[in-house]
Protein backbone atom coordinates (compact mmCIF):
# COMPACT_ATOMS: atom_id res chain seq x y z
CA UNK A 1 -5.46 19.56 2.35
CA UNK A 2 -5.64 16.21 0.61
CA UNK A 3 -7.42 13.11 1.86
CA UNK A 4 -4.22 11.35 2.89
CA UNK A 5 -1.89 14.14 4.01
CA UNK A 6 -1.62 17.66 5.36
CA UNK A 7 1.16 20.09 4.49
CA UNK A 8 2.26 22.86 6.82
CA UNK A 9 3.83 25.59 4.67
CA UNK A 10 7.25 26.93 5.49
CA UNK A 11 10.31 28.45 3.89
CA UNK A 12 11.57 26.06 1.20
CA UNK A 13 15.07 27.54 1.46
CA UNK A 14 15.40 26.88 5.21
CA UNK A 15 17.21 23.57 4.72
CA UNK A 16 14.85 21.44 6.82
CA UNK A 17 11.70 19.36 6.28
CA UNK A 18 9.62 17.77 9.05
CA UNK A 19 7.65 14.54 8.65
CA UNK A 20 5.04 12.90 10.85
CA UNK A 21 4.18 9.45 9.50
CA UNK A 22 1.73 8.47 12.24
CA UNK A 23 0.07 11.82 12.87
CA UNK A 24 -3.61 10.87 12.93
CA UNK A 25 -6.04 8.16 13.96
CA UNK A 26 -8.79 8.92 11.44
CA UNK A 27 -10.45 6.50 9.03
CA UNK A 28 -12.37 7.28 5.83
CA UNK A 29 -16.14 6.81 6.37
CA UNK A 30 -16.28 3.72 4.17
CA UNK A 31 -13.92 1.90 6.56
CA UNK A 32 -15.70 2.83 9.77
CA UNK A 33 -13.21 1.93 12.49
CA UNK A 34 -12.06 -1.30 10.81
CA UNK A 35 -14.33 -3.03 13.31
CA UNK A 36 -12.44 -1.75 16.34
CA UNK A 37 -14.05 -0.13 19.39
CA UNK A 38 -13.36 3.58 19.80
CA UNK A 39 -11.13 2.87 22.80
CA UNK A 40 -8.61 1.12 20.55
CA UNK A 41 -8.38 4.19 18.31
CA UNK A 42 -6.98 6.17 21.24
CA UNK A 43 -4.10 3.71 21.67
CA UNK A 44 -0.67 3.80 20.13
CA UNK A 45 -1.69 1.10 17.67
CA UNK A 46 -3.73 3.70 15.76
CA UNK A 47 -1.31 6.65 15.80
CA UNK A 48 1.68 8.22 17.54
CA UNK A 49 0.16 10.09 20.47
CA UNK A 50 1.31 13.72 20.64
CA UNK A 51 3.55 13.55 17.58
CA UNK A 52 1.36 15.68 15.30
CA UNK A 53 1.11 18.54 17.81
CA UNK A 54 4.88 18.55 18.34
CA UNK A 55 5.46 18.53 14.57
CA UNK A 56 3.08 21.42 13.94
CA UNK A 57 4.58 23.47 16.78
CA UNK A 58 8.07 22.84 15.39
CA UNK A 59 7.05 23.82 11.87
CA UNK A 60 5.48 27.05 13.13
CA UNK A 61 8.45 28.00 15.31
CA UNK A 62 11.09 27.24 12.66
CA UNK A 63 9.02 28.31 9.62
CA UNK A 64 9.84 25.07 7.81
CA UNK A 65 7.56 22.81 5.77
CA UNK A 66 6.04 19.71 7.32
CA UNK A 67 4.13 16.79 5.82
CA UNK A 68 1.78 14.82 8.09
CA UNK A 69 -0.52 11.88 7.47
CA UNK A 70 -4.28 12.26 7.92
CA UNK A 71 -5.11 8.55 8.24
CA UNK A 72 -4.50 5.89 10.87
CA UNK A 73 -1.51 3.62 10.50
CA UNK A 74 -3.99 0.73 10.92
CA UNK A 75 -5.44 1.56 7.51
CA UNK A 76 -1.96 1.38 5.97
CA UNK A 77 1.41 2.24 7.49
CA UNK A 78 3.33 4.81 5.44
CA UNK A 79 6.49 4.12 7.44
CA UNK A 80 6.96 0.76 5.74
CA UNK A 81 8.24 -0.26 2.35
CA UNK A 82 5.61 -0.88 -0.31
CA UNK A 83 6.33 -4.62 -0.22
CA UNK A 84 6.55 -4.91 3.57
CA UNK A 85 4.00 -7.47 4.88
CA UNK A 86 3.52 -5.36 8.04
CA UNK A 87 2.30 -2.38 6.02
CA UNK A 88 -1.28 -3.46 6.84
CA UNK A 89 -1.52 -5.19 10.20
CA UNK A 90 -4.05 -7.90 11.03
CA UNK A 91 -2.93 -7.96 14.67
CA UNK A 92 -1.34 -5.08 16.58
CA UNK A 93 -0.19 -5.25 20.21
CA UNK A 94 -2.84 -7.81 21.12
CA UNK A 95 -5.68 -6.21 19.16
CA UNK A 96 -7.17 -8.09 16.22
CA UNK A 97 -8.03 -5.67 13.39
CA UNK A 98 -11.27 -7.11 11.94
CA UNK A 99 -11.25 -4.90 8.84
CA UNK A 100 -7.79 -6.14 7.89
CA UNK A 101 -8.22 -9.86 8.53
CA UNK A 102 -9.34 -10.88 5.05
CA UNK A 103 -7.47 -8.30 3.02
CA UNK A 104 -6.95 -9.21 -0.62
CA UNK A 105 -4.50 -7.84 -3.19
CA UNK A 106 -7.09 -5.50 -4.71
CA UNK A 107 -7.88 -3.85 -1.38
CA UNK A 108 -4.19 -3.55 -0.54
CA UNK A 109 -3.57 -1.79 -3.86
CA UNK A 110 -6.59 0.46 -3.32
CA UNK A 111 -5.27 1.68 0.03
CA UNK A 112 -1.76 2.01 -1.37
CA UNK A 113 -2.95 4.15 -4.28
CA UNK A 114 -5.33 6.28 -2.23
CA UNK A 115 -3.32 6.89 0.96
CA UNK A 116 0.24 5.55 0.90
CA UNK A 117 1.46 6.83 -2.48
CA UNK A 118 -0.04 10.35 -2.25
CA UNK A 119 1.72 10.91 1.09
CA UNK A 120 5.06 9.76 -0.30
CA UNK A 121 4.55 11.69 -3.53
CA UNK A 122 3.94 14.89 -1.57
CA UNK A 123 7.12 14.34 0.44
CA UNK A 124 9.05 14.05 -2.83
CA UNK A 125 7.39 17.21 -4.12
CA UNK A 126 8.35 19.18 -1.00
CA UNK A 127 11.92 17.87 -1.19
CA UNK A 128 12.25 18.95 -4.83
CA UNK A 129 10.90 22.42 -4.04
CA UNK A 130 13.34 22.77 -1.15
CA UNK A 131 16.30 21.65 -3.26
CA UNK A 132 15.36 24.16 -5.96
CA UNK A 133 15.01 26.98 -3.43
CA UNK A 134 18.00 26.44 -1.20
CA UNK A 135 19.85 23.19 -1.72
CA UNK A 136 19.52 19.76 -0.13
CA UNK A 137 17.39 19.78 3.03
CA UNK A 138 17.82 17.71 6.16
CA UNK A 139 14.78 15.66 7.14
CA UNK A 140 13.56 15.08 10.69
CA UNK A 141 10.73 12.63 11.34
CA UNK A 142 8.76 12.96 14.59
CA UNK A 143 7.34 9.86 16.31
CA UNK A 144 6.34 8.78 19.81
CA UNK A 145 6.63 5.51 21.72
CA UNK A 146 4.84 3.83 24.60
CA UNK A 147 6.09 3.99 28.19
CA UNK A 148 6.37 0.20 28.32
CA UNK A 149 6.32 -2.75 25.94
CA UNK A 150 5.15 -6.24 26.84
CA UNK A 151 5.18 -5.18 30.49
CA UNK A 152 8.78 -3.92 30.40
CA UNK A 153 9.23 -0.21 31.21
CA UNK A 154 11.11 1.89 28.68
CA UNK A 155 13.44 4.26 30.52
CA UNK A 156 14.24 6.64 27.68
CA UNK A 157 12.67 10.07 27.52
CA UNK A 158 13.69 10.46 23.90
CA UNK A 159 15.38 8.31 21.28
CA UNK A 160 17.33 9.27 18.17
CA UNK A 161 17.07 6.72 15.37
CA UNK A 162 19.51 6.60 12.50
CA UNK A 163 20.71 4.35 9.70
CA UNK A 164 24.14 4.88 8.11
CA UNK A 165 24.21 8.67 7.89
CA UNK A 166 24.95 10.29 11.25
CA UNK A 167 25.40 13.90 10.13
CA UNK A 168 22.20 14.82 11.95
CA UNK A 169 21.78 12.07 14.53
CA UNK A 170 25.28 12.30 16.08
CA UNK A 171 25.02 15.98 17.09
CA UNK A 172 21.44 15.39 18.20
CA UNK A 173 22.58 12.63 20.53
CA UNK A 174 25.38 14.85 21.86
CA UNK A 175 22.94 17.69 22.46
CA UNK A 176 20.36 15.65 24.35
CA UNK A 177 23.00 13.70 26.29
CA UNK A 178 24.42 17.00 27.55
CA UNK A 179 21.14 17.46 29.43
CA UNK A 180 21.75 15.48 32.60
CA UNK A 181 18.03 15.13 33.24
CA UNK A 182 17.34 13.10 30.10
CA UNK A 183 17.76 9.41 29.38
CA UNK A 184 18.50 9.31 25.66
CA UNK A 185 18.15 6.27 23.43
CA UNK A 186 20.74 5.75 20.69
CA UNK A 187 18.76 3.73 18.15
CA UNK A 188 16.39 2.93 21.01
CA UNK A 189 13.61 1.95 21.51
CA UNK A 190 13.85 0.92 17.84
CA UNK A 191 16.58 0.56 15.26
CA UNK A 192 16.64 3.18 12.54
CA UNK A 193 17.79 0.87 9.76
CA UNK A 194 14.53 -0.49 8.37
CA UNK A 195 15.05 -0.64 4.63
CA UNK A 196 12.08 0.81 2.78
CA UNK A 197 10.75 2.93 5.65
CA UNK A 198 9.89 6.58 5.07
CA UNK A 199 13.30 8.07 5.86
CA UNK A 200 15.03 5.32 3.90
CA UNK A 201 12.93 6.13 0.83
CA UNK A 202 13.22 9.90 0.93
CA UNK A 203 16.48 10.64 2.74
CA UNK A 204 18.87 7.68 2.96
CA UNK A 205 18.34 6.64 -0.66
CA UNK A 206 18.86 10.26 -1.78
CA UNK A 207 21.85 11.02 0.42
CA UNK A 208 19.98 13.61 2.52
CA UNK A 209 20.90 14.12 6.18
CA UNK A 210 18.18 12.70 8.39
CA UNK A 211 17.14 11.51 11.83
CA UNK A 212 14.03 10.18 13.51
CA UNK A 213 13.11 11.57 16.93
CA UNK A 214 11.07 9.27 19.18
CA UNK A 215 9.52 10.95 22.24
CA UNK A 216 7.95 8.92 25.03
CA UNK A 217 4.20 9.32 24.83
CA UNK A 218 3.50 10.17 28.45
CA UNK A 219 5.71 13.25 28.03
CA UNK A 220 3.69 14.65 25.10
CA UNK A 221 0.19 13.43 25.84
CA UNK A 222 -0.92 16.91 26.96
CA UNK A 223 -0.43 20.33 25.30
CA UNK A 224 2.05 21.57 27.90
CA UNK A 225 4.42 18.67 27.30
CA UNK A 226 3.98 18.94 23.55
CA UNK A 227 5.08 22.57 23.63
CA UNK A 228 7.96 21.84 25.99
CA UNK A 229 9.35 19.19 23.66
CA UNK A 230 8.80 21.37 20.61
CA UNK A 231 10.77 24.14 22.33
CA UNK A 232 13.51 21.68 23.21
CA UNK A 233 13.83 20.48 19.62
CA UNK A 234 13.74 24.05 18.27
CA UNK A 235 16.72 24.86 20.51
CA UNK A 236 18.45 21.70 19.27
CA UNK A 237 17.95 22.64 15.62
CA UNK A 238 19.28 26.14 16.19
CA UNK A 239 22.33 24.62 17.88
CA UNK A 240 23.07 22.73 14.65
CA UNK A 241 23.31 25.89 12.55
CA UNK A 242 26.76 26.53 11.19
CA UNK A 243 27.72 22.89 10.80
CA UNK A 244 29.42 22.54 7.40
CA UNK A 245 27.89 19.10 6.78
CA UNK A 246 24.33 20.45 7.15
CA UNK A 247 22.43 23.14 5.25
CA UNK A 248 20.69 24.90 8.13
CA UNK A 249 22.32 28.34 8.16
CA UNK A 250 19.26 30.12 6.76
CA UNK A 251 16.98 29.00 9.59
């Protein structure tokens, strides 16, 4: 495993790649905790709680490759464009990030070269291997979101985020909406059309089918919930097999 990313091996001809942009809350030793107390590193500002475990369980169950970050989004956010000013946050949900307050261009480039680019380069490498082995893959990115924001509860259990291509997101929404026990967000709690983000770079810009799945964090905070949601998404993916606009028949 590299310093900035981990790769879960899987069948390159399966037609699917999993991503987890905010998998970890670790910092390289030289950065300490960016001046934050340990309690802040357990919050959503540092990583997407539960998302890595769900991603790894999915990859194992489906035997598909997955690429996950190994660094905190507070160091640098790989789910932003390279010129996005929010790629390195000085303030996040009320927490001042001391180690980012006086960031200069040289330090920004250092983090970009050491963490951001290697993650994105590995995604491109996995995509190319999958195309060579079995044709264009679909890409699913796994994230999680907080139960409330600015004191306002978020009712959704899961959200499907999409940009212009709905080959994957539309049947996902239909599948989850058919479960009467779920409140499903359609481009909620966020919009899926952030130009330059990870899916935009690697899927939208390349014409690959894609969707981002946001799961509410309280549902996947513990191992039991993580496995339940992995099982749910595995069933969803298998339900998509046979669609002529996707390349999932070998799963």
